[in-house]
N, C-alpha and C. Protein backbone atom coordinates (compact mmCIF):
# COMPACT_ATOMS: atom_id res chain seq x y z
N MET A 1 101.03 -6.52 50.19
CA MET A 1 101.61 -7.45 49.31
C MET A 1 100.99 -9.17 49.65
N LYS A 2 100.15 -8.82 50.89
CA LYS A 2 99.18 -10.22 50.66
C LYS A 2 98.05 -10.53 49.63
N GLU A 3 97.67 -9.33 49.06
CA GLU A 3 96.80 -9.74 47.95
C GLU A 3 97.58 -9.84 46.67
N LYS A 4 98.83 -9.56 46.22
CA LYS A 4 99.59 -9.59 45.33
C LYS A 4 99.81 -11.51 45.43
N VAL A 5 100.09 -12.02 46.58
CA VAL A 5 100.23 -13.41 46.67
C VAL A 5 99.26 -13.96 46.43
N TYR A 6 97.84 -13.52 46.89
CA TYR A 6 96.51 -14.34 46.82
C TYR A 6 96.51 -14.29 45.20
N GLU A 7 96.65 -13.26 44.56
CA GLU A 7 96.23 -13.16 43.04
C GLU A 7 97.17 -13.74 42.24
N TYR A 8 98.50 -14.05 42.59
CA TYR A 8 99.68 -14.93 41.77
C TYR A 8 99.04 -16.64 42.27
N LEU A 9 98.64 -16.73 43.17
CA LEU A 9 97.82 -18.27 43.30
C LEU A 9 96.80 -18.25 42.18
N ARG A 10 96.33 -17.46 42.10
CA ARG A 10 94.92 -18.10 41.28
C ARG A 10 95.41 -17.91 40.08
N ILE A 11 96.85 -17.60 39.17
CA ILE A 11 97.10 -17.64 38.16
C ILE A 11 97.74 -19.06 38.01
N ILE A 12 98.00 -19.75 38.97
CA ILE A 12 98.84 -20.85 38.98
C ILE A 12 97.77 -22.00 37.98
N PRO A 13 98.23 -22.30 36.45
CA PRO A 13 97.13 -23.20 36.62
C PRO A 13 97.14 -24.88 36.71
N LYS A 14 96.47 -25.26 36.62
CA LYS A 14 96.15 -26.59 37.02
C LYS A 14 97.15 -27.26 36.22
N GLY A 15 98.05 -28.41 37.28
CA GLY A 15 98.74 -29.13 36.72
C GLY A 15 100.27 -28.52 36.63
N LYS A 16 100.35 -26.99 37.70
CA LYS A 16 101.72 -27.05 37.48
C LYS A 16 101.81 -26.44 39.45
N VAL A 17 102.88 -25.91 39.36
CA VAL A 17 103.27 -25.42 40.76
C VAL A 17 104.51 -24.37 40.86
N ALA A 18 104.36 -23.55 41.62
CA ALA A 18 105.39 -22.65 42.11
C ALA A 18 105.83 -22.65 43.21
N THR A 19 106.85 -22.01 43.13
CA THR A 19 107.80 -21.49 44.65
C THR A 19 107.78 -20.72 45.28
N TYR A 20 107.97 -21.07 46.29
CA TYR A 20 108.17 -19.54 47.22
C TYR A 20 109.13 -18.37 46.64
N GLY A 21 109.85 -18.94 45.96
CA GLY A 21 110.64 -18.10 45.37
C GLY A 21 110.03 -17.19 44.09
N SER A 22 109.79 -18.14 43.54
CA SER A 22 109.40 -17.32 42.41
C SER A 22 107.88 -16.34 42.81
N ILE A 23 107.04 -16.53 43.63
CA ILE A 23 106.42 -15.93 44.34
C ILE A 23 107.01 -14.18 44.16
N ALA A 24 107.91 -14.89 45.32
CA ALA A 24 109.07 -13.74 45.73
C ALA A 24 109.59 -12.34 44.41
N LEU A 25 110.03 -12.97 43.72
CA LEU A 25 110.51 -12.68 42.33
C LEU A 25 109.17 -11.95 41.92
N TYR A 26 107.97 -12.66 41.98
CA TYR A 26 106.59 -11.45 41.45
C TYR A 26 106.08 -10.59 41.80
N LEU A 27 106.80 -10.78 43.35
CA LEU A 27 107.02 -9.51 44.47
C LEU A 27 107.95 -8.26 44.20
N GLY A 28 108.84 -8.45 43.47
CA GLY A 28 109.69 -7.77 42.97
C GLY A 28 111.11 -7.80 43.92
N ASN A 29 111.57 -8.87 44.91
CA ASN A 29 112.12 -9.43 45.90
C ASN A 29 112.46 -10.73 45.94
N LYS A 30 113.71 -10.91 45.51
CA LYS A 30 113.59 -12.94 45.55
C LYS A 30 113.93 -13.19 47.27
N ASN A 31 114.40 -11.99 47.99
CA ASN A 31 114.35 -12.38 49.32
C ASN A 31 113.31 -12.24 50.03
N LEU A 32 111.85 -12.27 49.85
CA LEU A 32 110.93 -12.27 50.07
C LEU A 32 110.03 -13.70 50.43
N SER A 33 111.02 -15.11 50.51
CA SER A 33 110.54 -16.28 50.31
C SER A 33 109.87 -16.45 51.83
N ARG A 34 110.54 -16.29 52.52
CA ARG A 34 109.52 -16.47 53.88
C ARG A 34 108.31 -15.74 54.23
N VAL A 35 108.19 -14.83 53.89
CA VAL A 35 107.36 -13.37 53.99
C VAL A 35 106.57 -14.16 53.28
N VAL A 36 106.48 -14.73 51.98
CA VAL A 36 105.43 -15.42 51.13
C VAL A 36 105.11 -16.66 52.48
N GLY A 37 106.12 -17.34 52.42
CA GLY A 37 105.52 -18.61 53.28
C GLY A 37 104.40 -17.79 54.62
N ASN A 38 105.03 -16.94 55.27
CA ASN A 38 104.14 -16.82 56.37
C ASN A 38 102.57 -15.90 55.80
N ILE A 39 102.68 -15.77 54.84
CA ILE A 39 101.27 -15.06 54.02
C ILE A 39 100.19 -16.25 53.58
N LEU A 40 101.26 -17.54 53.30
CA LEU A 40 100.47 -18.41 52.87
C LEU A 40 99.59 -19.24 54.09
N HIS A 41 100.75 -19.04 55.23
CA HIS A 41 100.51 -20.22 56.43
C HIS A 41 99.02 -19.48 56.71
N SER A 42 98.72 -17.99 56.73
CA SER A 42 97.93 -17.06 57.39
C SER A 42 96.52 -17.46 56.07
N ASN A 43 96.48 -18.16 54.89
CA ASN A 43 95.52 -18.14 54.28
C ASN A 43 94.44 -18.88 54.88
N GLU A 44 93.23 -18.05 54.68
CA GLU A 44 91.94 -18.48 55.07
C GLU A 44 90.97 -19.00 54.31
N ASP A 45 91.16 -19.29 52.89
CA ASP A 45 90.65 -19.78 51.96
C ASP A 45 91.47 -20.43 51.14
N GLY A 46 91.65 -21.59 51.16
CA GLY A 46 92.32 -22.43 50.29
C GLY A 46 91.74 -23.48 49.26
N ASP A 47 90.49 -22.90 49.10
CA ASP A 47 89.62 -23.40 47.73
C ASP A 47 89.88 -21.99 46.48
N ASN A 48 89.61 -20.80 47.65
CA ASN A 48 89.74 -19.67 46.17
C ASN A 48 91.27 -19.43 45.57
N PHE A 49 91.90 -19.64 46.95
CA PHE A 49 93.67 -19.29 46.84
C PHE A 49 94.63 -20.37 46.99
N PRO A 50 94.48 -21.10 46.08
CA PRO A 50 95.23 -22.78 46.02
C PRO A 50 96.65 -22.61 46.75
N CYS A 51 96.92 -22.67 47.63
CA CYS A 51 98.27 -22.58 48.06
C CYS A 51 98.86 -23.84 48.03
N TYR A 52 98.31 -25.09 48.22
CA TYR A 52 98.95 -26.35 47.86
C TYR A 52 99.69 -26.30 46.98
N LYS A 53 99.94 -25.28 45.90
CA LYS A 53 100.03 -25.30 44.23
C LYS A 53 101.43 -24.94 45.07
N VAL A 54 102.13 -24.77 45.73
CA VAL A 54 103.16 -24.01 46.21
C VAL A 54 104.46 -24.62 46.89
N VAL A 55 105.25 -25.27 46.62
CA VAL A 55 106.45 -25.62 47.03
C VAL A 55 107.98 -24.92 47.17
N ASN A 56 108.58 -25.30 47.81
CA ASN A 56 109.81 -25.05 47.91
C ASN A 56 110.79 -25.48 46.74
N ALA A 57 112.29 -24.72 46.87
CA ALA A 57 112.91 -24.44 45.75
C ALA A 57 113.38 -25.74 45.31
N LYS A 58 113.16 -27.08 46.21
CA LYS A 58 113.66 -28.23 45.50
C LYS A 58 112.48 -28.73 45.02
N GLY A 59 111.26 -28.48 45.41
CA GLY A 59 110.20 -29.03 45.13
C GLY A 59 109.62 -29.98 46.46
N TYR A 60 110.14 -29.76 46.97
CA TYR A 60 109.29 -30.74 48.68
C TYR A 60 107.98 -29.70 49.27
N LEU A 61 106.99 -30.57 49.81
CA LEU A 61 105.58 -29.93 50.14
C LEU A 61 106.28 -29.40 51.14
N SER A 62 104.72 -28.55 51.71
CA SER A 62 105.26 -28.55 53.15
C SER A 62 104.85 -29.25 53.92
N LYS A 63 105.58 -29.54 55.14
CA LYS A 63 104.98 -30.13 56.56
C LYS A 63 103.87 -29.73 57.13
N ASN A 64 103.98 -28.20 56.80
CA ASN A 64 103.19 -27.23 57.71
C ASN A 64 102.18 -27.20 56.71
N TYR A 65 101.45 -27.88 55.80
CA TYR A 65 100.51 -27.53 54.92
C TYR A 65 99.21 -26.86 55.80
N LYS A 66 98.66 -26.05 55.45
CA LYS A 66 97.58 -25.36 56.28
C LYS A 66 96.14 -26.55 56.28
N PHE A 67 96.25 -26.73 55.69
CA PHE A 67 94.85 -27.06 55.34
C PHE A 67 94.93 -28.89 55.28
N GLY A 68 95.16 -29.42 56.19
CA GLY A 68 95.51 -30.88 56.41
C GLY A 68 96.43 -31.66 56.52
N GLY A 69 97.69 -30.55 56.58
CA GLY A 69 99.09 -31.54 56.15
C GLY A 69 99.64 -31.91 55.20
N ILE A 70 101.04 -32.45 55.27
CA ILE A 70 101.65 -32.80 53.59
C ILE A 70 101.09 -33.53 52.88
N ASP A 71 99.90 -34.64 53.62
CA ASP A 71 99.59 -35.80 52.86
C ASP A 71 98.16 -34.94 52.25
N GLU A 72 97.75 -34.34 52.62
CA GLU A 72 96.29 -33.41 52.06
C GLU A 72 97.01 -32.57 50.70
N GLN A 73 98.23 -32.06 50.78
CA GLN A 73 98.74 -31.20 49.85
C GLN A 73 99.10 -32.21 48.55
N LYS A 74 99.57 -33.27 49.11
CA LYS A 74 100.03 -34.75 48.15
C LYS A 74 98.96 -34.75 47.36
N ARG A 75 97.73 -34.78 47.97
CA ARG A 75 96.31 -35.63 47.50
C ARG A 75 96.18 -34.51 46.53
N ARG A 76 96.05 -33.35 47.25
CA ARG A 76 95.54 -31.94 45.89
C ARG A 76 96.19 -31.88 44.69
N LEU A 77 97.54 -31.96 44.92
CA LEU A 77 98.54 -31.69 43.89
C LEU A 77 98.18 -33.09 43.15
N GLU A 78 98.35 -34.40 43.63
CA GLU A 78 98.03 -35.56 42.39
C GLU A 78 96.53 -35.19 41.64
N GLY A 79 95.50 -34.78 42.17
CA GLY A 79 94.23 -34.44 42.03
C GLY A 79 94.35 -33.92 40.79
N ASP A 80 95.17 -32.53 40.52
CA ASP A 80 95.69 -31.87 39.36
C ASP A 80 96.45 -32.34 38.41
N GLY A 81 96.69 -34.22 38.65
CA GLY A 81 97.78 -34.45 37.43
C GLY A 81 99.01 -34.54 37.81
N ILE A 82 99.39 -33.85 38.84
CA ILE A 82 101.08 -34.00 39.25
C ILE A 82 101.28 -34.80 39.94
N GLU A 83 102.36 -35.69 39.72
CA GLU A 83 103.10 -36.73 40.22
C GLU A 83 103.96 -36.37 41.05
N VAL A 84 103.71 -36.78 42.65
CA VAL A 84 104.51 -36.50 43.58
C VAL A 84 105.28 -37.74 43.87
N THR A 85 106.95 -37.81 44.25
CA THR A 85 107.38 -39.03 44.86
C THR A 85 108.11 -38.30 46.09
N ASN A 86 108.06 -39.24 46.93
CA ASN A 86 108.48 -39.41 48.35
C ASN A 86 108.17 -37.46 48.87
N TYR A 87 107.01 -37.14 48.38
CA TYR A 87 106.73 -35.88 48.51
C TYR A 87 107.57 -34.47 48.09
N ARG A 88 107.91 -35.09 47.23
CA ARG A 88 108.60 -34.19 45.97
C ARG A 88 107.99 -33.98 44.46
N VAL A 89 107.80 -33.07 44.28
CA VAL A 89 107.34 -32.55 42.96
C VAL A 89 108.86 -32.62 41.62
N ASP A 90 108.39 -32.85 40.69
CA ASP A 90 109.79 -32.28 39.77
C ASP A 90 109.56 -30.91 39.11
N LEU A 91 110.33 -29.87 39.42
CA LEU A 91 110.56 -28.50 39.16
C LEU A 91 110.36 -28.78 37.83
N ARG A 92 111.25 -29.21 37.13
CA ARG A 92 111.23 -29.34 35.71
C ARG A 92 110.44 -29.26 34.79
N LYS A 93 109.52 -30.33 35.23
CA LYS A 93 107.91 -30.55 34.84
C LYS A 93 106.83 -29.73 35.08
N TYR A 94 107.08 -29.49 36.24
CA TYR A 94 105.75 -28.87 36.59
C TYR A 94 105.74 -27.51 37.40
N LYS A 95 106.84 -27.10 37.27
CA LYS A 95 107.19 -25.36 37.64
C LYS A 95 106.31 -24.47 36.76
N MET A 96 105.49 -23.63 37.33
CA MET A 96 104.79 -22.53 36.36
C MET A 96 106.03 -21.91 35.42
């Protein structure tokens, strides 16, 4: 399952985000969102597996983003051209 999550991270295009739930659906079970979160938190290679592109179902960033916290996740998303307001992304505009 971990490999499939990492595979999904690599197909999220620049300027787009995914949600934990959309990755869970990709895995075949919408109830695996927490499992996805745990897998992302164990990610050891944030450059090759860009977990910063994953937000919650309401578009909020992760308070516990592994590679530098929420401000670093915000910085990386903005570097991809994604507008972040109050640590939230407009899913209607940016969701893959």
